[in-house]
Protein backbone atom coordinates (compact mmCIF):
# COMPACT_ATOMS: atom_id res chain seq x y z
CA MET A 1 112.34 105.14 118.97
CA GLN A 2 111.89 101.38 119.29
CA GLN A 3 109.35 101.80 122.08
CA LEU A 4 107.32 104.33 120.08
CA TYR A 5 107.43 102.14 116.98
CA ASP A 6 106.23 99.09 118.89
CA LYS A 7 103.39 101.13 120.35
CA TYR A 8 102.20 103.01 117.26
CA SER A 9 103.18 101.08 114.14
CA ASP A 10 99.66 99.94 113.32
CA PRO A 11 97.81 99.53 110.02
CA VAL A 12 95.82 102.75 109.59
CA PRO A 13 94.40 104.63 106.58
CA ARG A 14 96.64 107.14 104.84
CA TYR A 15 93.82 109.68 105.16
CA THR A 16 94.51 111.30 101.79
CA SER A 17 90.70 111.26 101.59
CA TYR A 18 87.81 110.53 103.90
CA PRO A 19 86.24 108.04 104.00
CA PRO A 20 89.13 105.94 102.63
CA ALA A 21 88.71 104.35 99.19
CA THR A 22 88.13 101.00 100.91
CA LYS A 23 84.62 102.30 101.66
CA PHE A 24 83.67 102.73 98.00
CA THR A 25 80.88 100.41 96.83
CA ASP A 26 80.16 98.86 93.43
CA ASN A 27 76.45 99.67 93.52
CA PHE A 28 77.19 103.20 92.31
CA THR A 29 76.03 103.30 88.68
CA ARG A 30 76.77 105.39 85.60
CA ILE A 31 73.31 106.94 85.98
CA ASP A 32 74.20 107.88 89.55
CA TYR A 33 77.35 109.56 88.26
CA ILE A 34 75.47 111.71 85.76
CA SER A 35 73.15 112.85 88.53
CA VAL A 36 76.13 113.65 90.78
CA LEU A 37 77.88 115.59 88.01
CA LYS A 38 74.87 117.85 87.59
CA GLU A 39 74.45 118.33 91.33
CA SER A 40 78.15 119.15 91.77
CA ASN A 41 77.57 122.46 89.97
CA ASN A 42 75.84 123.60 93.16
CA TRP A 43 78.48 122.21 95.51
CA GLN A 44 81.69 123.76 96.84
CA PRO A 45 84.25 124.72 95.80
CA LYS A 46 83.03 126.09 92.49
CA ASN A 47 86.39 125.76 90.76
CA ILE A 48 87.26 122.64 88.78
CA SER A 49 90.35 120.59 89.51
CA VAL A 50 91.24 117.98 86.90
CA TYR A 51 93.15 114.76 87.38
CA VAL A 52 94.32 112.80 84.32
CA HIS A 53 95.68 109.29 84.85
CA ILE A 54 98.30 108.09 82.38
CA PRO A 55 98.96 104.45 83.35
CA PHE A 56 101.82 103.67 80.97
CA CYS A 57 105.39 103.00 82.15
CA ARG A 58 108.50 102.05 80.20
CA LYS A 59 109.71 100.00 83.17
CA MET A 60 107.81 98.78 86.20
CA CYS A 61 109.33 100.02 89.47
CA HIS A 62 109.22 97.33 92.13
CA PHE A 63 108.13 99.76 94.86
CA CYS A 64 105.11 101.15 93.00
CA GLY A 65 101.59 100.67 94.34
CA CYS A 66 99.90 102.73 91.61
CA ASN A 67 97.70 101.53 88.76
CA ALA A 68 100.34 101.19 86.02
CA ILE A 69 100.95 99.02 82.95
CA LEU A 70 103.99 98.34 80.81
CA LEU A 71 104.06 100.40 77.62
CA LYS A 72 103.88 98.04 74.64
CA LYS A 73 101.83 99.05 71.60
CA LYS A 74 101.58 102.63 70.36
CA ASP A 75 98.05 101.95 69.09
CA SER A 76 96.87 101.43 72.66
CA ILE A 77 98.14 104.92 73.56
CA CYS A 78 96.17 106.52 70.72
CA ASP A 79 93.00 104.70 71.75
CA TYR A 80 93.54 105.65 75.37
CA ILE A 81 94.11 109.36 74.72
CA ASP A 82 91.11 109.45 72.38
CA SER A 83 89.04 107.91 75.17
CA ILE A 84 90.18 110.53 77.70
CA ILE A 85 89.26 113.30 75.29
CA SER A 86 85.86 111.66 74.74
CA GLU A 87 85.39 111.36 78.51
CA ILE A 88 86.11 115.07 78.88
CA GLU A 89 83.50 115.79 76.20
CA MET A 90 80.95 113.58 77.97
CA THR A 91 81.63 115.12 81.37
CA SER A 92 81.61 118.74 80.19
CA LYS A 93 78.01 118.35 78.96
CA HIS A 94 76.88 118.08 82.58
CA LEU A 95 79.05 120.84 84.08
CA ASP A 96 78.34 124.56 84.17
CA SER A 97 80.51 126.12 81.45
CA ASN A 98 80.95 129.22 83.63
CA ARG A 99 82.95 127.24 86.17
CA LYS A 100 86.71 127.64 85.82
CA ILE A 101 89.60 125.20 85.98
CA SER A 102 92.08 126.08 88.72
CA GLN A 103 94.29 122.98 88.62
CA ILE A 104 95.25 120.16 86.25
CA HIS A 105 97.40 117.28 87.40
CA PHE A 106 98.79 114.48 85.23
CA GLY A 107 99.69 111.41 87.27
CA GLY A 108 100.40 107.78 86.62
CA GLY A 109 102.00 105.50 85.79
CA THR A 110 104.52 107.72 84.08
CA PRO A 111 102.85 110.56 82.16
CA ASN A 112 106.06 111.43 80.32
CA ALA A 113 106.44 107.82 79.13
CA ILE A 114 104.29 108.82 76.14
CA GLU A 115 104.80 111.53 73.53
CA ALA A 116 104.28 115.06 74.84
CA GLU A 117 101.86 115.83 72.02
CA TYR A 118 99.32 113.45 73.56
CA LEU A 119 99.36 115.41 76.82
CA VAL A 120 98.98 118.68 74.94
CA GLN A 121 95.89 117.32 73.16
CA ILE A 122 94.25 116.78 76.55
CA VAL A 123 95.10 120.27 77.81
CA ASP A 124 93.83 121.78 74.56
CA LYS A 125 90.53 119.93 74.94
CA LEU A 126 90.13 121.24 78.49
CA ARG A 127 90.86 124.78 77.29
CA ASP A 128 88.23 124.31 74.60
CA LYS A 129 85.60 123.34 77.16
CA PHE A 130 86.41 125.60 80.13
CA ASP A 131 87.96 128.92 81.07
CA PHE A 132 90.92 128.86 83.46
CA ILE A 133 91.57 131.00 86.53
CA GLU A 134 94.56 133.31 86.34
CA ASN A 135 97.78 131.37 86.92
CA ALA A 136 96.02 128.03 87.06
CA GLU A 137 98.35 125.19 88.01
CA ILE A 138 99.10 122.67 85.26
CA ALA A 139 101.25 119.98 86.82
CA ILE A 140 102.82 116.73 85.69
CA GLU A 141 104.60 113.88 87.44
CA CYS A 142 107.76 112.98 85.52
CA ASN A 143 110.32 110.23 85.55
CA PRO A 144 113.54 112.21 84.91
CA ALA A 145 115.05 109.20 83.12
CA TYR A 146 112.84 110.01 80.11
CA ILE A 147 113.00 113.82 79.98
CA ASP A 148 114.88 115.86 77.40
CA TYR A 149 114.78 119.54 76.47
CA GLU A 150 112.63 119.04 73.38
CA TYR A 151 109.98 117.29 75.49
CA LEU A 152 110.07 120.08 78.07
CA ASP A 153 109.71 122.74 75.37
CA ILE A 154 106.48 121.20 74.15
CA LEU A 155 104.99 121.08 77.65
CA ILE A 156 106.10 124.60 78.56
CA GLN A 157 104.60 125.94 75.35
CA ALA A 158 101.31 124.24 76.29
CA GLY A 159 101.27 126.01 79.67
CA PHE A 160 102.62 123.36 82.05
CA ASN A 161 104.00 125.25 85.04
CA ARG A 162 104.74 122.62 87.70
CA PHE A 163 107.01 119.63 87.24
CA SER A 164 107.31 116.89 89.86
CA PHE A 165 110.39 114.77 89.24
CA GLY A 166 110.37 111.35 90.87
CA ILE A 167 114.02 111.03 91.89
CA GLN A 168 113.44 108.53 94.76
CA ASP A 169 117.17 108.41 95.63
CA PHE A 170 120.48 109.64 94.19
CA ASP A 171 122.14 106.32 95.04
CA GLU A 172 122.11 104.35 91.78
CA LYS A 173 122.36 101.05 93.66
CA VAL A 174 119.09 101.82 95.44
CA LEU A 175 117.52 102.65 92.08
CA GLU A 176 118.83 99.42 90.58
CA TYR A 177 117.22 97.37 93.35
CA SER A 178 113.94 99.17 92.59
CA ASN A 179 114.21 98.68 88.80
CA ARG A 180 114.49 102.42 88.21
CA GLU A 181 116.96 104.57 86.27
CA PRO A 182 118.65 107.86 87.23
CA SER A 183 117.93 111.20 85.59
CA LYS A 184 118.80 111.46 81.90
CA LEU A 185 119.89 115.10 82.30
CA PRO A 186 121.97 116.64 85.10
CA LEU A 187 119.38 118.05 87.47
CA ASP A 188 121.11 121.39 87.94
CA GLU A 189 121.04 121.93 84.17
CA LEU A 190 117.42 120.77 84.04
CA PHE A 191 116.45 123.30 86.71
CA SER A 192 118.32 126.12 84.97
CA TYR A 193 116.61 125.31 81.69
CA LEU A 194 113.12 125.35 83.24
CA LYS A 195 113.69 128.63 85.07
CA ALA A 196 115.18 130.26 81.97
CA SER A 197 112.08 129.24 80.03
CA ASN A 198 109.73 130.63 82.68
CA PRO A 199 110.86 131.88 86.12
CA ASN A 200 107.41 131.08 87.54
CA ILE A 201 107.65 127.36 86.82
CA GLY A 202 107.54 125.36 90.04
CA VAL A 203 109.69 122.29 90.60
CA ASN A 204 109.09 119.38 92.98
CA LEU A 205 111.63 116.68 93.76
CA ASP A 206 110.13 113.49 95.15
CA PHE A 207 111.99 110.89 97.21
CA ILE A 208 111.07 107.61 98.88
CA TYR A 209 112.57 106.40 102.15
CA GLY A 210 112.46 102.80 103.30
CA LEU A 211 113.75 101.18 100.09
CA PRO A 212 116.26 98.29 99.90
CA GLY A 213 119.85 99.46 99.99
CA GLN A 214 119.06 102.71 101.77
CA THR A 215 120.83 103.72 104.95
CA VAL A 216 120.17 106.66 107.24
CA GLU A 217 123.44 108.31 106.24
CA GLY A 218 122.90 107.65 102.54
CA PHE A 219 119.36 109.02 102.49
CA VAL A 220 120.34 112.14 104.42
CA GLU A 221 123.12 112.72 101.87
CA THR A 222 120.57 112.38 99.06
CA ILE A 223 118.34 114.98 100.75
CA LYS A 224 121.31 117.28 101.30
CA GLN A 225 122.12 117.15 97.58
CA ALA A 226 118.46 117.78 96.75
CA ALA A 227 118.30 120.85 99.02
CA GLU A 228 121.34 122.32 97.28
CA LEU A 229 119.35 122.31 94.02
CA ARG A 230 116.70 124.52 95.71
CA PRO A 231 113.46 123.07 94.32
CA GLU A 232 110.44 124.98 95.63
CA ARG A 233 109.02 121.75 96.99
CA LEU A 234 110.75 118.63 98.21
CA VAL A 235 108.75 115.55 99.16
CA THR A 236 109.82 112.54 101.24
CA PHE A 237 107.35 109.72 100.79
CA SER A 238 107.35 106.78 103.16
CA TYR A 239 107.59 103.53 101.20
CA ALA A 240 104.27 101.74 101.67
CA HIS A 241 104.84 98.00 101.69
CA VAL A 242 101.59 96.53 100.36
CA PRO A 243 102.57 93.35 98.48
CA TRP A 244 98.92 92.27 98.40
CA VAL A 245 98.41 95.26 96.03
CA ASN A 246 101.64 94.96 94.05
CA LYS A 247 103.28 91.54 94.05
CA SER A 248 106.54 93.04 92.74
CA GLN A 249 107.11 94.40 96.23
CA ASN A 250 107.81 90.84 97.35
CA TYR A 251 111.06 91.14 95.38
CA LEU A 252 112.12 94.11 97.50
CA GLU A 253 111.35 92.12 100.62
CA LYS A 254 113.71 89.39 99.43
CA ILE A 255 116.52 91.92 98.94
CA GLY A 256 115.89 93.26 102.41
CA LEU A 257 114.07 96.38 103.55
CA PRO A 258 115.54 98.77 106.15
CA ASP A 259 114.27 97.96 109.61
CA PRO A 260 111.51 100.24 110.96
CA ILE A 261 113.80 102.17 113.29
CA GLU A 262 116.20 102.96 110.43
CA LYS A 263 113.25 104.11 108.37
CA MET A 264 112.05 106.44 111.13
CA GLU A 265 115.55 107.86 111.52
CA MET A 266 115.74 108.50 107.77
CA PHE A 267 112.69 110.73 108.00
CA VAL A 268 113.69 112.48 111.24
CA LYS A 269 117.25 113.27 110.12
CA ALA A 270 116.22 114.20 106.59
CA SER A 271 113.60 116.57 108.04
CA ARG A 272 116.24 118.14 110.26
CA GLU A 273 118.57 118.59 107.29
CA LEU A 274 115.84 120.30 105.29
CA SER A 275 114.97 122.60 108.17
CA LEU A 276 118.61 123.67 108.40
CA SER A 277 118.55 124.29 104.64
CA GLY A 278 115.66 126.75 104.91
CA TYR A 279 112.71 124.50 104.13
CA LYS A 280 109.45 124.54 106.09
CA GLN A 281 107.66 121.26 106.69
CA ILE A 282 104.15 121.22 105.26
CA GLY A 283 101.69 118.55 106.30
CA LEU A 284 103.14 115.09 106.72
CA ASP A 285 105.83 114.85 104.07
CA HIS A 286 106.22 118.09 102.06
CA PHE A 287 108.95 120.68 102.56
CA VAL A 288 108.74 124.06 100.87
CA LEU A 289 110.75 127.23 100.43
CA GLU A 290 109.38 130.53 101.67
CA SER A 291 108.84 131.62 98.05
CA ASP A 292 106.29 128.84 97.45
CA GLU A 293 102.59 129.63 97.90
CA LEU A 294 102.16 126.54 100.10
CA TYR A 295 104.47 128.22 102.62
CA GLU A 296 102.02 131.02 103.40
CA ALA A 297 99.11 128.58 103.54
CA GLY A 298 101.07 126.50 106.03
CA VAL A 299 101.97 129.48 108.20
CA ASN A 300 98.33 130.59 108.26
CA HIS A 301 97.12 127.04 109.04
CA ASP A 302 94.99 127.14 105.91
CA LEU A 303 96.51 124.30 103.92
CA HIS A 304 94.27 121.99 101.94
CA ARG A 305 94.75 118.73 100.04
CA ASN A 306 93.09 116.45 97.53
CA PHE A 307 94.18 113.20 95.88
CA GLN A 308 96.80 115.13 93.90
CA GLY A 309 98.47 116.38 97.06
CA TYR A 310 98.67 119.58 99.08
CA CYS A 311 97.26 122.75 97.56
CA THR A 312 96.12 126.23 98.47
CA ARG A 313 92.52 127.39 98.62
CA ARG A 314 93.28 129.38 95.44
CA THR A 315 93.85 126.27 93.35
CA THR A 316 91.42 124.04 95.22
CA GLY A 317 88.53 122.71 93.19
CA GLN A 318 86.24 119.74 93.15
CA VAL A 319 88.30 117.03 91.43
CA TYR A 320 87.02 115.50 88.19
CA ALA A 321 89.18 112.53 87.21
CA PHE A 322 89.73 111.20 83.71
CA GLY A 323 91.32 107.94 82.69
CA VAL A 324 91.60 104.44 84.07
CA SER A 325 91.19 104.11 87.88
CA GLY A 326 90.86 107.90 88.28
CA ILE A 327 88.92 109.03 91.35
CA SER A 328 86.67 112.09 91.15
CA GLN A 329 86.64 113.83 94.52
CA LEU A 330 83.53 115.99 94.75
CA GLU A 331 82.07 117.74 97.77
CA LYS A 332 79.48 115.05 98.49
CA SER A 333 80.57 112.07 96.39
CA TYR A 334 83.57 110.03 95.28
CA ILE A 335 83.54 108.18 91.97
CA GLN A 336 86.19 105.77 90.69
CA ASN A 337 86.74 104.68 87.10
CA ILE A 338 87.28 101.14 85.85
CA LYS A 339 90.74 99.83 86.74
CA THR A 340 91.73 98.07 83.49
CA THR A 341 92.69 100.02 80.39
CA LYS A 342 90.91 97.71 77.96
CA GLU A 343 87.58 97.92 79.79
CA TYR A 344 87.94 101.69 80.25
CA ILE A 345 88.45 102.25 76.52
CA GLU A 346 85.58 99.92 75.60
CA SER A 347 83.21 101.72 77.96
CA ILE A 348 84.07 105.21 76.76
CA GLN A 349 84.00 104.18 73.09
CA ALA A 350 80.50 102.84 73.71
CA GLY A 351 79.50 106.28 74.95
CA GLU A 352 79.18 105.25 78.58
CA PHE A 353 80.98 106.57 81.63
CA ALA A 354 83.57 104.07 82.91
CA VAL A 355 82.37 104.07 86.52
CA ILE A 356 83.13 101.03 88.66
CA LYS A 357 82.68 102.30 92.23
CA GLY A 358 81.44 105.29 94.14
CA TYR A 359 80.41 106.65 97.48
CA ASN A 360 77.98 109.35 98.63
CA LEU A 361 79.05 111.04 101.83
CA SER A 362 76.58 111.67 104.62
CA ALA A 363 76.38 115.11 106.22
CA ASN A 364 78.25 113.71 109.23
CA GLU A 365 81.03 112.27 107.06
CA ILE A 366 81.55 115.64 105.41
CA VAL A 367 82.20 117.11 108.85
CA ILE A 368 84.55 114.27 109.83
CA ARG A 369 86.40 114.71 106.54
CA GLU A 370 86.96 118.40 107.25
CA VAL A 371 88.27 117.61 110.74
CA ILE A 372 90.71 114.93 109.55
CA ASN A 373 91.74 116.84 106.43
CA TYR A 374 92.43 120.00 108.42
CA PHE A 375 94.39 118.04 111.01
CA MET A 376 96.48 116.12 108.46
CA CYS A 377 97.28 119.27 106.48
CA ASN A 378 97.93 121.73 109.28
CA LYS A 379 99.19 119.37 112.00
CA ARG A 380 96.79 120.92 114.50
CA LEU A 381 93.20 120.60 115.63
CA ASP A 382 91.51 123.97 116.07
CA PHE A 383 87.78 123.45 116.52
CA ASP A 384 86.99 127.16 116.21
CA LYS A 385 88.69 127.36 112.80
CA ILE A 386 87.07 124.14 111.55
CA ALA A 387 83.66 125.29 112.83
CA MET A 388 84.06 128.54 110.88
CA ASN A 389 84.85 126.56 107.71
CA LEU A 390 81.78 124.37 108.21
CA SER A 391 79.40 127.02 109.62
CA ILE A 392 78.49 124.84 112.61
CA SER A 393 79.40 125.06 116.29
CA PRO A 394 82.60 123.57 117.77
CA ASP A 395 80.50 121.61 120.28
CA ASP A 396 78.49 120.00 117.47
CA ILE A 397 81.72 118.90 115.80
CA LYS A 398 83.05 117.39 119.03
CA THR A 399 79.82 115.49 119.60
CA LEU A 400 79.79 114.14 116.07
CA ILE A 401 83.33 112.71 116.25
CA ASN A 402 82.91 111.47 119.86
CA PHE A 403 85.74 113.76 120.91
CA ASP A 404 87.29 113.37 124.34
CA TYR A 405 90.64 114.84 125.38
CA ASP A 406 91.26 111.70 127.48
CA LYS A 407 91.66 109.72 124.24
CA PHE A 408 94.80 111.73 123.52
CA THR A 409 96.50 111.40 126.89
CA HIS A 410 98.96 108.73 125.74
CA PHE A 411 99.94 110.85 122.71
CA THR A 412 100.69 113.76 125.04
CA GLU A 413 102.69 111.59 127.42
CA ASP A 414 104.77 110.23 124.52
CA GLY A 415 105.54 113.70 123.15
CA ILE A 416 103.53 113.18 119.95
CA ILE A 417 101.12 116.06 120.55
CA ARG A 418 100.77 119.02 122.87
CA ILE A 419 97.53 120.66 123.94
CA HIS A 420 97.15 124.33 124.79
CA ASP A 421 94.06 126.56 124.89
CA GLY A 422 92.02 123.62 123.62
CA ILE A 423 94.12 123.30 120.44
CA ILE A 424 95.93 120.03 119.70
CA GLU A 425 99.25 120.46 117.90
CA VAL A 426 101.52 117.73 116.53
CA THR A 427 105.15 117.96 117.66
CA ASP A 428 108.12 117.57 115.33
CA LEU A 429 108.53 114.01 116.60
CA GLY A 430 104.81 113.36 116.37
CA VAL A 431 104.61 114.03 112.62
CA ILE A 432 105.76 110.45 112.06
CA PHE A 433 102.67 109.20 113.92
CA ILE A 434 100.13 111.74 112.65
CA ARG A 435 98.07 109.00 110.98
CA ASN A 436 97.67 107.30 114.37
CA VAL A 437 96.29 110.51 115.87
CA ALA A 438 93.98 111.01 112.88
CA ALA A 439 92.57 107.52 113.41
CA VAL A 440 91.39 108.59 116.88
CA LEU A 441 89.49 111.46 115.23
CA ASP A 442 87.76 108.96 112.96
CA PRO A 443 84.75 107.56 114.87
CA PHE A 444 84.32 104.76 112.32
CA PHE A 445 87.91 103.52 112.18
CA VAL A 446 88.43 99.81 112.83
CA SER A 447 91.97 98.43 112.68
CA SER A 448 92.46 95.80 109.99
CA HIS A 449 95.64 94.00 108.90
CA GLY A 450 96.02 93.49 105.15
CA LYS A 451 93.78 96.48 104.44
CA TYR A 452 96.05 99.42 105.26
CA SER A 453 99.80 99.97 105.29
CA ARG A 454 101.50 100.48 108.65
CA SER A 455 101.67 104.05 109.90
CA VAL A 456 105.49 103.93 110.03
């Protein structure tokens, strides 16, 4: 393990999108955005996926690298929600009303740090402007420390059908180091309540490995307890140490982070525990039960992802983001909103889109994105399948990304990938280093310290 870490622990993009957000430029204007919105009606996929960013938190977790602010004045929440609703109104004027919403995702921050009624107002506005596909996914990230049954009832009544609970760890000492609190309700009772309300509600449990106070044995025990609860999806995120983004992470460094080898063993042994418990690994860090729709997509090597996470082709849509720092992820363009709440509200209240950055993808970059996205999601590189998705030849794809099997020899020798019949597949061990392999598929990647987190 030490030898592999020394060889592959390099700063590389997370490849949750391509090109990475570091490529966005500030010469993308509000006028450009309006033009892109109109053009996106002719782009693929036709469905609409919505991301809503709720930046407020009741406490600031030391590990967080998200755009979040401490919840202080209630007036600021009202102004913020009003601005999101206005932004939806402004955006809908440029989108084809016949297009349907297939997915809504509330992220943060901590979406459930504010009153549930505010979230319902946003969903109601989206229903007013667009039709929904059958069984559209309406998902929310939740801090279980602030959830009660009354809050859940309001969301369930509004149609929320996927709840992602950020547990992080069951060890309360680990949570204390991270300035986070444990679940307010016993999780088994919480699960029972959700399923009794609607058997089709999906539940995610999210965990982070690599935090201060964690040990291999302790984290595996946490994952074992989680598997016993039988959530449809269980996620193990690698802690990304980026103190240049969030200075609070320096505090965790002072406490002491697990060494890299311990961190790798946490993931490997937790993955093994989940496999024994009947979970299938999806992509880099998701584990799902056979009853979850991601399972079939994974088996068929047809998994997809956007900024919200892994999804099926059924719920995939071009992503239109609302709220501070939200990133719209369209077929040919990315657009990011202003990063401060005050400026975002001022811009929207003035009747102007709150655009700060954007990026228009070239035809070549769209192909590279499909290659990397397919590889990161399905842990394999099948040029025939990718060519079919893009309607171009496999040889054209290989030429465009400067593909050469010799570039992957060291990955094969180290047991990270295997190659058969021209298809590259990532091994169970190699999943840890999948970002390193993806970087080789990126013809424009240049290593840079202080720009990306380490791959492990």
